[in-house]
Amino acid sequence: MSLRPFHLAFPVHNLAEARAFYGRLLGCREGRSSDEWIDFDFYGHQIVAHLAPGEADARTRDAARNQVDGHGVPVPHFGVVLTMEDWQALAERLKSAGVEFVIEPTIRFKGKRGEQATMFFRDPSGNALEMKAFADDAMLFET
């Protein structure tokens, strides 16, 4: 089976902030939009920022965390697996823009099967994102 794009809809409290964050900072091409939502091309996948101020509250989204390799990973979160080169470029772009990281760009499971580069940050509405990369994509599902 060939990989098909996924679709993810998530709440935001301000569409202009979402447009600036996903469009300008992350470089996601904008698709269709209305006064209540915006489609973005998230590395070939469709994500949709839906205006839902009551659902998009950063204070409550920061409550749940699971420990993974010594870091408190925010739950829920979403993201994508990039090439190592693209991951490094994004990490530098985010640092230069002054983005506050939940988990700074780092290598997880160093020297073990499944070793990966990862970073966590939040959009302006508090939605957590994880961007990761593998030196060897075959390690994606290794245990």
Protein backbone atom coordinates (compact mmCIF):
# COMPACT_ATOMS: atom_id res chain seq x y z
CA MET A 1 0.00 0.00 0.00
CA SER A 2 1.37 3.44 -0.87
CA LEU A 3 1.38 6.14 1.77
CA ARG A 4 -1.62 8.43 1.52
CA PRO A 5 -1.87 11.90 3.08
CA PHE A 6 -3.49 12.09 6.49
CA HIS A 7 -6.06 14.70 7.51
CA LEU A 8 -6.05 16.35 10.92
CA ALA A 9 -8.41 19.05 12.18
CA PHE A 10 -7.51 20.93 15.36
CA PRO A 11 -8.79 23.96 17.30
CA VAL A 12 -7.22 27.41 17.29
CA HIS A 13 -8.31 30.60 19.00
CA ASN A 14 -7.16 32.98 16.26
CA LEU A 15 -6.96 32.29 12.50
CA ALA A 16 -4.54 35.16 11.81
CA GLU A 17 -2.08 33.71 14.35
CA ALA A 18 -2.54 30.23 12.86
CA ARG A 19 -1.91 31.61 9.37
CA ALA A 20 1.29 33.33 10.54
CA PHE A 21 2.54 30.28 12.45
CA TYR A 22 1.72 27.48 10.00
CA GLY A 23 1.99 29.53 6.83
CA ARG A 24 4.87 31.92 7.36
CA LEU A 25 6.93 30.27 10.13
CA LEU A 26 6.53 26.59 9.22
CA GLY A 27 6.20 27.30 5.48
CA CYS A 28 2.95 25.38 4.96
CA ARG A 29 1.14 26.36 1.77
CA GLU A 30 -2.40 27.54 2.43
CA GLY A 31 -5.29 25.83 0.69
CA ARG A 32 -8.98 26.55 1.06
CA SER A 33 -10.21 28.73 3.89
CA SER A 34 -13.24 30.46 5.32
CA ASP A 35 -13.95 32.76 8.24
CA GLU A 36 -13.87 29.67 10.49
CA TRP A 37 -11.05 27.44 9.19
CA ILE A 38 -7.85 27.25 7.11
CA ASP A 39 -6.44 24.24 5.24
CA PHE A 40 -2.64 23.90 5.21
CA ASP A 41 -0.32 21.61 3.25
CA PHE A 42 1.67 20.16 6.15
CA TYR A 43 4.53 18.41 4.35
CA GLY A 44 2.09 16.75 1.93
CA HIS A 45 -0.63 16.16 4.53
CA GLN A 46 -3.80 18.15 5.09
CA ILE A 47 -4.20 19.89 8.42
CA VAL A 48 -7.08 22.22 9.16
CA ALA A 49 -7.01 24.96 11.78
CA HIS A 50 -10.61 25.40 12.97
CA LEU A 51 -11.63 28.50 14.88
CA ALA A 52 -12.79 27.12 18.25
CA PRO A 53 -11.68 29.50 21.00
CA GLY A 54 -13.25 27.48 23.82
CA GLU A 55 -11.36 24.35 22.76
CA ALA A 56 -8.00 26.00 22.12
CA ASP A 57 -6.74 26.87 25.58
CA ALA A 58 -2.99 26.55 26.16
CA ARG A 59 -3.39 26.39 29.95
CA THR A 60 -5.39 23.14 29.87
CA ARG A 61 -3.40 21.62 26.99
CA ASP A 62 -0.21 21.65 29.08
CA ALA A 63 -1.55 19.29 31.76
CA ALA A 64 -0.93 15.79 30.35
CA ARG A 65 2.62 14.49 29.78
CA ASN A 66 4.16 11.05 29.35
CA GLN A 67 7.82 10.26 30.07
CA VAL A 68 9.77 9.23 26.95
CA ASP A 69 13.54 8.82 27.23
CA GLY A 70 13.67 11.21 30.17
CA HIS A 71 11.47 13.95 28.70
CA GLY A 72 7.88 14.91 29.55
CA VAL A 73 6.15 14.57 26.18
CA PRO A 74 2.93 16.62 25.83
CA VAL A 75 -0.24 14.65 25.15
CA PRO A 76 -1.86 15.13 22.70
CA HIS A 77 0.53 16.24 19.97
CA PHE A 78 0.98 15.83 16.23
CA GLY A 79 3.81 16.26 13.76
CA VAL A 80 5.69 14.73 10.90
CA VAL A 81 8.88 12.77 10.23
CA LEU A 82 11.26 14.93 8.21
CA THR A 83 14.57 14.19 6.57
CA MET A 84 17.47 14.93 8.92
CA GLU A 85 18.51 17.88 6.74
CA ASP A 86 14.99 19.38 6.79
CA TRP A 87 14.71 18.75 10.56
CA GLN A 88 17.97 20.59 11.22
CA ALA A 89 16.93 23.51 9.01
CA LEU A 90 13.56 23.76 10.76
CA ALA A 91 15.19 23.62 14.20
CA GLU A 92 17.44 26.53 13.25
CA ARG A 93 14.52 28.51 11.76
CA LEU A 94 12.45 28.01 14.94
CA LYS A 95 15.37 28.98 17.19
CA SER A 96 16.03 32.10 15.10
CA ALA A 97 12.34 33.05 15.34
CA GLY A 98 12.49 32.76 19.14
CA VAL A 99 10.04 29.85 19.37
CA GLU A 100 9.81 28.49 22.91
CA PHE A 101 10.42 24.75 22.89
CA VAL A 102 8.58 22.31 25.14
CA ILE A 103 11.49 19.94 24.45
CA GLU A 104 14.54 21.49 22.79
CA PRO A 105 15.85 19.89 19.59
CA THR A 106 17.64 16.76 20.76
CA ILE A 107 18.56 13.18 19.86
CA ARG A 108 16.32 10.63 21.60
CA PHE A 109 17.36 7.00 22.25
CA LYS A 110 20.95 7.93 21.38
CA GLY A 111 23.00 4.91 20.33
CA LYS A 112 19.95 2.61 20.47
CA ARG A 113 17.59 1.14 17.91
CA GLY A 114 15.09 3.84 16.95
CA GLU A 115 17.52 6.72 17.56
CA GLN A 116 15.81 9.90 16.36
CA ALA A 117 16.07 13.65 16.31
CA THR A 118 13.06 15.28 17.95
CA MET A 119 11.74 18.63 19.09
CA PHE A 120 8.45 19.75 20.63
CA PHE A 121 6.89 23.19 20.51
CA ARG A 122 3.42 24.73 20.61
CA ASP A 123 1.46 26.81 18.14
CA PRO A 124 -0.06 30.11 19.36
CA SER A 125 -3.22 28.26 20.49
CA GLY A 126 -1.26 25.78 22.61
CA ASN A 127 -1.43 22.78 20.25
CA ALA A 128 1.73 20.70 20.70
CA LEU A 129 3.75 19.63 17.68
CA GLU A 130 6.59 17.12 17.45
CA MET A 131 8.93 17.17 14.50
CA LYS A 132 11.30 14.26 14.21
CA ALA A 133 13.84 12.72 11.87
CA PHE A 134 15.85 9.52 11.62
CA ALA A 135 19.32 9.03 10.22
CA ASP A 136 17.85 5.74 8.93
CA ASP A 137 14.10 5.78 8.19
CA ALA A 138 14.04 1.99 8.63
CA MET A 139 14.28 2.68 12.39
CA LEU A 140 10.84 4.39 12.46
CA PHE A 141 9.04 1.38 13.95
CA GLU A 142 11.97 -0.37 15.62
CA THR A 143 11.46 -1.56 19.20
